[in-house]
Amino acid sequence: MSLVANIVVALIALLHVYILVLEMFLWDKPAGRRAFGLTQEMATATKALAANQGLYNGFLAAGLFWGLWLGDAGQPVKVFFLLCVLVAGVFGAATASRKILFIQAVPAAIGLALLALA
C-alpha cells in the first residue's frame, strides 16, 4: 500500500507543477485561458495575481516531492502538505469553482487515506 500511496502523492505533486505552469506562464495564453475559462481581458488584468497563486502551487508540489524524497521519514511531511492541498481545494471550491473540489481536494483526501493505510 505504501507504493500506491507514494504514487498518488507523486501524481498530486505533478498536478501542482502543471497548475504552476498554467498559472505562472500560460495564464494569458490559449491553454491557460481555456483551463480557467478566462477572456483575454480578464487574463491580462489578473496575470500577476495568477503568477503569485502559481508560485504557491509550486510550494505545495515541492513539499510533496520533499516528503517523497525523505522516504519513510517523510510521512509527516507528506501528510502536512496533503492537508494543505486539501484545505486549498476546499477553499477554492467554496470561493472560485466547484470543480476544484474534484481536481485538488478529492485527490488529496485519497492520498491521505492511502498514507493512513500504509
N, C-alpha and C. Protein backbone atom coordinates (compact mmCIF):
# COMPACT_ATOMS: atom_id res chain seq x y z
N MET A 1 0.82 -1.20 0.00
CA MET A 1 0.00 0.00 0.00
C MET A 1 0.86 1.26 0.00
N SER A 2 2.05 1.15 0.59
CA SER A 2 2.95 2.30 0.65
C SER A 2 3.34 2.78 -0.75
N LEU A 3 3.59 1.84 -1.65
CA LEU A 3 3.94 2.21 -3.02
C LEU A 3 2.79 2.94 -3.70
N VAL A 4 1.58 2.44 -3.53
CA VAL A 4 0.40 3.08 -4.13
C VAL A 4 0.23 4.49 -3.55
N ALA A 5 0.39 4.62 -2.24
CA ALA A 5 0.28 5.94 -1.60
C ALA A 5 1.31 6.90 -2.16
N ASN A 6 2.53 6.44 -2.31
CA ASN A 6 3.59 7.30 -2.84
C ASN A 6 3.36 7.67 -4.31
N ILE A 7 2.78 6.77 -5.07
CA ILE A 7 2.45 7.08 -6.46
C ILE A 7 1.38 8.17 -6.51
N VAL A 8 0.38 8.05 -5.65
CA VAL A 8 -0.68 9.07 -5.60
C VAL A 8 -0.10 10.41 -5.17
N VAL A 9 0.77 10.41 -4.17
CA VAL A 9 1.42 11.65 -3.74
C VAL A 9 2.22 12.27 -4.89
N ALA A 10 2.96 11.44 -5.61
CA ALA A 10 3.75 11.95 -6.74
C ALA A 10 2.85 12.52 -7.83
N LEU A 11 1.73 11.87 -8.10
CA LEU A 11 0.79 12.38 -9.11
C LEU A 11 0.20 13.72 -8.69
N ILE A 12 -0.12 13.85 -7.41
CA ILE A 12 -0.64 15.12 -6.90
C ILE A 12 0.43 16.21 -7.01
N ALA A 13 1.67 15.86 -6.70
CA ALA A 13 2.76 16.84 -6.83
C ALA A 13 2.92 17.26 -8.29
N LEU A 14 2.86 16.31 -9.21
CA LEU A 14 2.96 16.64 -10.64
C LEU A 14 1.79 17.50 -11.09
N LEU A 15 0.60 17.22 -10.58
CA LEU A 15 -0.57 18.06 -10.88
C LEU A 15 -0.31 19.50 -10.48
N HIS A 16 0.30 19.69 -9.31
CA HIS A 16 0.56 21.05 -8.84
C HIS A 16 1.68 21.73 -9.63
N VAL A 17 2.60 20.96 -10.16
CA VAL A 17 3.59 21.54 -11.08
C VAL A 17 2.88 22.01 -12.35
N TYR A 18 1.95 21.20 -12.84
CA TYR A 18 1.17 21.57 -14.02
C TYR A 18 0.36 22.85 -13.75
N ILE A 19 -0.27 22.93 -12.59
CA ILE A 19 -1.03 24.12 -12.23
C ILE A 19 -0.09 25.32 -12.15
N LEU A 20 1.09 25.14 -11.58
CA LEU A 20 2.09 26.21 -11.53
C LEU A 20 2.37 26.73 -12.94
N VAL A 21 2.61 25.83 -13.87
CA VAL A 21 2.92 26.24 -15.25
C VAL A 21 1.75 27.00 -15.86
N LEU A 22 0.54 26.48 -15.67
CA LEU A 22 -0.65 27.16 -16.20
C LEU A 22 -0.78 28.57 -15.62
N GLU A 23 -0.61 28.69 -14.32
CA GLU A 23 -0.85 29.98 -13.66
C GLU A 23 0.30 30.96 -13.84
N MET A 24 1.52 30.49 -13.84
CA MET A 24 2.66 31.40 -13.91
C MET A 24 3.06 31.75 -15.34
N PHE A 25 2.90 30.82 -16.26
CA PHE A 25 3.45 31.02 -17.60
C PHE A 25 2.42 31.01 -18.73
N LEU A 26 1.28 30.35 -18.51
CA LEU A 26 0.30 30.21 -19.59
C LEU A 26 -1.02 30.90 -19.31
N TRP A 27 -1.11 31.65 -18.23
CA TRP A 27 -2.35 32.26 -17.79
C TRP A 27 -3.06 33.03 -18.90
N ASP A 28 -2.33 33.84 -19.64
CA ASP A 28 -2.96 34.67 -20.68
C ASP A 28 -2.79 34.08 -22.08
N LYS A 29 -2.32 32.84 -22.14
CA LYS A 29 -2.18 32.13 -23.41
C LYS A 29 -3.44 31.26 -23.60
N PRO A 30 -3.67 30.76 -24.80
CA PRO A 30 -4.88 29.96 -25.04
C PRO A 30 -5.07 28.79 -24.06
N ALA A 31 -4.00 28.06 -23.76
CA ALA A 31 -4.14 26.91 -22.85
C ALA A 31 -4.57 27.35 -21.45
N GLY A 32 -3.98 28.40 -20.94
CA GLY A 32 -4.35 28.89 -19.62
C GLY A 32 -5.75 29.46 -19.59
N ARG A 33 -6.09 30.24 -20.60
CA ARG A 33 -7.44 30.83 -20.65
C ARG A 33 -8.49 29.73 -20.75
N ARG A 34 -8.20 28.71 -21.55
CA ARG A 34 -9.14 27.59 -21.70
C ARG A 34 -9.28 26.83 -20.38
N ALA A 35 -8.18 26.57 -19.71
CA ALA A 35 -8.21 25.80 -18.46
C ALA A 35 -9.02 26.50 -17.38
N PHE A 36 -8.96 27.82 -17.37
CA PHE A 36 -9.63 28.58 -16.31
C PHE A 36 -10.85 29.35 -16.80
N GLY A 37 -11.20 29.19 -18.06
CA GLY A 37 -12.39 29.84 -18.60
C GLY A 37 -12.30 31.36 -18.59
N LEU A 38 -11.19 31.90 -19.02
CA LEU A 38 -10.95 33.34 -18.96
C LEU A 38 -11.02 34.00 -20.32
N THR A 39 -11.48 35.24 -20.33
CA THR A 39 -11.35 36.06 -21.52
C THR A 39 -9.93 36.61 -21.54
N GLN A 40 -9.50 37.08 -22.70
CA GLN A 40 -8.17 37.66 -22.80
C GLN A 40 -8.04 38.86 -21.88
N GLU A 41 -9.09 39.67 -21.80
CA GLU A 41 -9.05 40.86 -20.95
C GLU A 41 -8.89 40.49 -19.48
N MET A 42 -9.66 39.51 -19.04
CA MET A 42 -9.57 39.08 -17.63
C MET A 42 -8.20 38.46 -17.35
N ALA A 43 -7.69 37.66 -18.26
CA ALA A 43 -6.38 37.04 -18.07
C ALA A 43 -5.29 38.10 -17.99
N THR A 44 -5.35 39.09 -18.84
CA THR A 44 -4.35 40.16 -18.83
C THR A 44 -4.42 40.94 -17.51
N ALA A 45 -5.63 41.21 -17.07
CA ALA A 45 -5.81 42.01 -15.85
C ALA A 45 -5.38 41.26 -14.59
N THR A 46 -5.43 39.94 -14.60
CA THR A 46 -5.15 39.15 -13.40
C THR A 46 -3.85 38.35 -13.49
N LYS A 47 -3.04 38.63 -14.49
CA LYS A 47 -1.83 37.84 -14.74
C LYS A 47 -0.89 37.80 -13.53
N ALA A 48 -0.66 38.94 -12.89
CA ALA A 48 0.26 38.98 -11.74
C ALA A 48 -0.32 38.20 -10.56
N LEU A 49 -1.61 38.30 -10.34
CA LEU A 49 -2.24 37.53 -9.26
C LEU A 49 -2.12 36.03 -9.51
N ALA A 50 -2.33 35.64 -10.76
CA ALA A 50 -2.24 34.22 -11.10
C ALA A 50 -0.82 33.70 -10.92
N ALA A 51 0.17 34.50 -11.27
CA ALA A 51 1.56 34.07 -11.11
C ALA A 51 1.87 33.84 -9.63
N ASN A 52 1.36 34.70 -8.78
CA ASN A 52 1.54 34.52 -7.34
C ASN A 52 0.87 33.24 -6.87
N GLN A 53 -0.31 33.00 -7.34
CA GLN A 53 -1.05 31.78 -7.00
C GLN A 53 -0.29 30.55 -7.50
N GLY A 54 0.27 30.65 -8.69
CA GLY A 54 1.04 29.53 -9.23
C GLY A 54 2.26 29.21 -8.38
N LEU A 55 2.89 30.24 -7.87
CA LEU A 55 4.05 30.03 -7.00
C LEU A 55 3.66 29.21 -5.77
N TYR A 56 2.50 29.52 -5.19
CA TYR A 56 2.04 28.76 -4.03
C TYR A 56 1.78 27.30 -4.39
N ASN A 57 1.25 27.06 -5.58
CA ASN A 57 1.06 25.68 -6.01
C ASN A 57 2.40 24.97 -6.17
N GLY A 58 3.41 25.73 -6.58
CA GLY A 58 4.76 25.16 -6.66
C GLY A 58 5.29 24.76 -5.30
N PHE A 59 5.00 25.56 -4.29
CA PHE A 59 5.43 25.21 -2.93
C PHE A 59 4.74 23.93 -2.46
N LEU A 60 3.47 23.76 -2.81
CA LEU A 60 2.78 22.52 -2.45
C LEU A 60 3.45 21.32 -3.12
N ALA A 61 3.77 21.47 -4.40
CA ALA A 61 4.45 20.39 -5.13
C ALA A 61 5.81 20.09 -4.51
N ALA A 62 6.56 21.15 -4.21
CA ALA A 62 7.89 20.97 -3.63
C ALA A 62 7.81 20.23 -2.29
N GLY A 63 6.84 20.58 -1.49
CA GLY A 63 6.68 19.91 -0.19
C GLY A 63 6.36 18.43 -0.36
N LEU A 64 5.51 18.11 -1.33
CA LEU A 64 5.18 16.70 -1.56
C LEU A 64 6.38 15.93 -2.09
N PHE A 65 7.12 16.54 -3.01
CA PHE A 65 8.34 15.89 -3.51
C PHE A 65 9.37 15.71 -2.39
N TRP A 66 9.46 16.69 -1.53
CA TRP A 66 10.38 16.60 -0.38
C TRP A 66 9.99 15.41 0.50
N GLY A 67 8.70 15.28 0.80
CA GLY A 67 8.23 14.16 1.61
C GLY A 67 8.57 12.82 0.96
N LEU A 68 8.40 12.74 -0.35
CA LEU A 68 8.75 11.51 -1.06
C LEU A 68 10.25 11.24 -0.99
N TRP A 69 11.04 12.28 -1.16
CA TRP A 69 12.50 12.16 -1.15
C TRP A 69 13.00 11.67 0.21
N LEU A 70 12.31 12.03 1.29
CA LEU A 70 12.72 11.63 2.63
C LEU A 70 12.45 10.16 2.93
N GLY A 71 11.72 9.49 2.07
CA GLY A 71 11.40 8.08 2.30
C GLY A 71 10.44 7.92 3.47
N ASP A 72 10.68 6.91 4.30
CA ASP A 72 9.78 6.64 5.44
C ASP A 72 9.72 7.82 6.41
N ALA A 73 10.81 8.54 6.54
CA ALA A 73 10.83 9.69 7.45
C ALA A 73 9.99 10.85 6.92
N GLY A 74 9.59 10.79 5.65
CA GLY A 74 8.82 11.86 5.06
C GLY A 74 7.32 11.75 5.25
N GLN A 75 6.86 10.74 5.95
CA GLN A 75 5.42 10.56 6.16
C GLN A 75 4.76 11.81 6.74
N PRO A 76 5.28 12.39 7.82
CA PRO A 76 4.63 13.60 8.35
C PRO A 76 4.65 14.78 7.37
N VAL A 77 5.69 14.87 6.57
CA VAL A 77 5.78 15.95 5.58
C VAL A 77 4.71 15.76 4.52
N LYS A 78 4.55 14.54 4.04
CA LYS A 78 3.52 14.26 3.03
C LYS A 78 2.13 14.55 3.60
N VAL A 79 1.89 14.14 4.82
CA VAL A 79 0.59 14.39 5.45
C VAL A 79 0.34 15.89 5.56
N PHE A 80 1.32 16.64 6.02
CA PHE A 80 1.16 18.09 6.16
C PHE A 80 0.81 18.75 4.83
N PHE A 81 1.59 18.43 3.78
CA PHE A 81 1.36 19.08 2.50
C PHE A 81 0.08 18.60 1.83
N LEU A 82 -0.31 17.34 2.03
CA LEU A 82 -1.60 16.90 1.52
C LEU A 82 -2.74 17.60 2.24
N LEU A 83 -2.59 17.84 3.54
CA LEU A 83 -3.60 18.61 4.27
C LEU A 83 -3.69 20.03 3.72
N CYS A 84 -2.55 20.62 3.38
CA CYS A 84 -2.54 21.96 2.77
C CYS A 84 -3.27 21.94 1.43
N VAL A 85 -3.02 20.92 0.62
CA VAL A 85 -3.70 20.78 -0.67
C VAL A 85 -5.20 20.61 -0.45
N LEU A 86 -5.57 19.80 0.52
CA LEU A 86 -6.98 19.57 0.83
C LEU A 86 -7.68 20.87 1.22
N VAL A 87 -7.07 21.61 2.12
CA VAL A 87 -7.66 22.89 2.57
C VAL A 87 -7.75 23.86 1.39
N ALA A 88 -6.69 23.95 0.60
CA ALA A 88 -6.71 24.84 -0.57
C ALA A 88 -7.81 24.43 -1.54
N GLY A 89 -7.98 23.14 -1.74
CA GLY A 89 -9.02 22.64 -2.64
C GLY A 89 -10.42 22.94 -2.15
N VAL A 90 -10.65 22.76 -0.86
CA VAL A 90 -11.97 23.06 -0.29
C VAL A 90 -12.24 24.56 -0.37
N PHE A 91 -11.25 25.37 -0.03
CA PHE A 91 -11.42 26.82 -0.10
C PHE A 91 -11.65 27.27 -1.54
N GLY A 92 -10.88 26.73 -2.46
CA GLY A 92 -11.05 27.08 -3.87
C GLY A 92 -12.42 26.68 -4.39
N ALA A 93 -12.91 25.52 -3.97
CA ALA A 93 -14.24 25.08 -4.39
C ALA A 93 -15.32 25.99 -3.83
N ALA A 94 -15.12 26.46 -2.61
CA ALA A 94 -16.11 27.33 -1.98
C ALA A 94 -16.09 28.75 -2.54
N THR A 95 -14.94 29.20 -3.02
CA THR A 95 -14.81 30.60 -3.41
C THR A 95 -14.63 30.84 -4.91
N ALA A 96 -14.15 29.85 -5.64
CA ALA A 96 -13.83 30.09 -7.05
C ALA A 96 -14.61 29.18 -7.99
N SER A 97 -14.42 27.87 -7.87
CA SER A 97 -15.05 26.93 -8.78
C SER A 97 -15.23 25.58 -8.09
N ARG A 98 -16.41 25.04 -8.18
CA ARG A 98 -16.70 23.75 -7.55
C ARG A 98 -15.81 22.62 -8.09
N LYS A 99 -15.36 22.74 -9.34
CA LYS A 99 -14.54 21.67 -9.92
C LYS A 99 -13.19 21.54 -9.21
N ILE A 100 -12.75 22.58 -8.50
CA ILE A 100 -11.50 22.49 -7.74
C ILE A 100 -11.60 21.41 -6.65
N LEU A 101 -12.80 21.21 -6.15
CA LEU A 101 -13.01 20.16 -5.14
C LEU A 101 -12.56 18.81 -5.69
N PHE A 102 -12.91 18.54 -6.95
CA PHE A 102 -12.61 17.24 -7.55
C PHE A 102 -11.20 17.17 -8.13
N ILE A 103 -10.65 18.30 -8.52
CA ILE A 103 -9.31 18.32 -9.10
C ILE A 103 -8.24 18.32 -8.01
N GLN A 104 -8.52 18.98 -6.89
CA GLN A 104 -7.49 19.18 -5.87
C GLN A 104 -7.83 18.50 -4.55
N ALA A 105 -9.02 18.74 -4.01
CA ALA A 105 -9.34 18.25 -2.67
C ALA A 105 -9.55 16.74 -2.62
N VAL A 106 -10.29 16.21 -3.56
CA VAL A 106 -10.56 14.76 -3.53
C VAL A 106 -9.28 13.95 -3.69
N PRO A 107 -8.41 14.27 -4.66
CA PRO A 107 -7.15 13.52 -4.72
C PRO A 107 -6.33 13.62 -3.43
N ALA A 108 -6.31 14.79 -2.80
CA ALA A 108 -5.57 14.94 -1.53
C ALA A 108 -6.19 14.05 -0.46
N ALA A 109 -7.50 13.99 -0.40
CA ALA A 109 -8.16 13.14 0.59
C ALA A 109 -7.84 11.66 0.33
N ILE A 110 -7.81 11.28 -0.93
CA ILE A 110 -7.45 9.89 -1.28
C ILE A 110 -6.00 9.62 -0.87
N GLY A 111 -5.11 10.56 -1.15
CA GLY A 111 -3.71 10.41 -0.75
C GLY A 111 -3.56 10.27 0.75
N LEU A 112 -4.29 11.08 1.49
CA LEU A 112 -4.23 10.99 2.97
C LEU A 112 -4.74 9.64 3.46
N ALA A 113 -5.83 9.16 2.86
CA ALA A 113 -6.37 7.86 3.25
C ALA A 113 -5.37 6.75 2.95
N LEU A 114 -4.74 6.81 1.79
CA LEU A 114 -3.75 5.78 1.44
C LEU A 114 -2.52 5.84 2.37
N LEU A 115 -2.10 7.05 2.74
CA LEU A 115 -0.98 7.16 3.67
C LEU A 115 -1.36 6.59 5.04
N ALA A 116 -2.60 6.79 5.44
CA ALA A 116 -3.05 6.25 6.73
C ALA A 116 -3.06 4.73 6.72
N LEU A 117 -3.33 4.15 5.57
CA LEU A 117 -3.38 2.68 5.44
C LEU A 117 -2.00 2.07 5.25
N ALA A 118 -1.03 2.89 4.87
CA ALA A 118 0.31 2.37 4.56
C ALA A 118 1.08 2.00 5.80
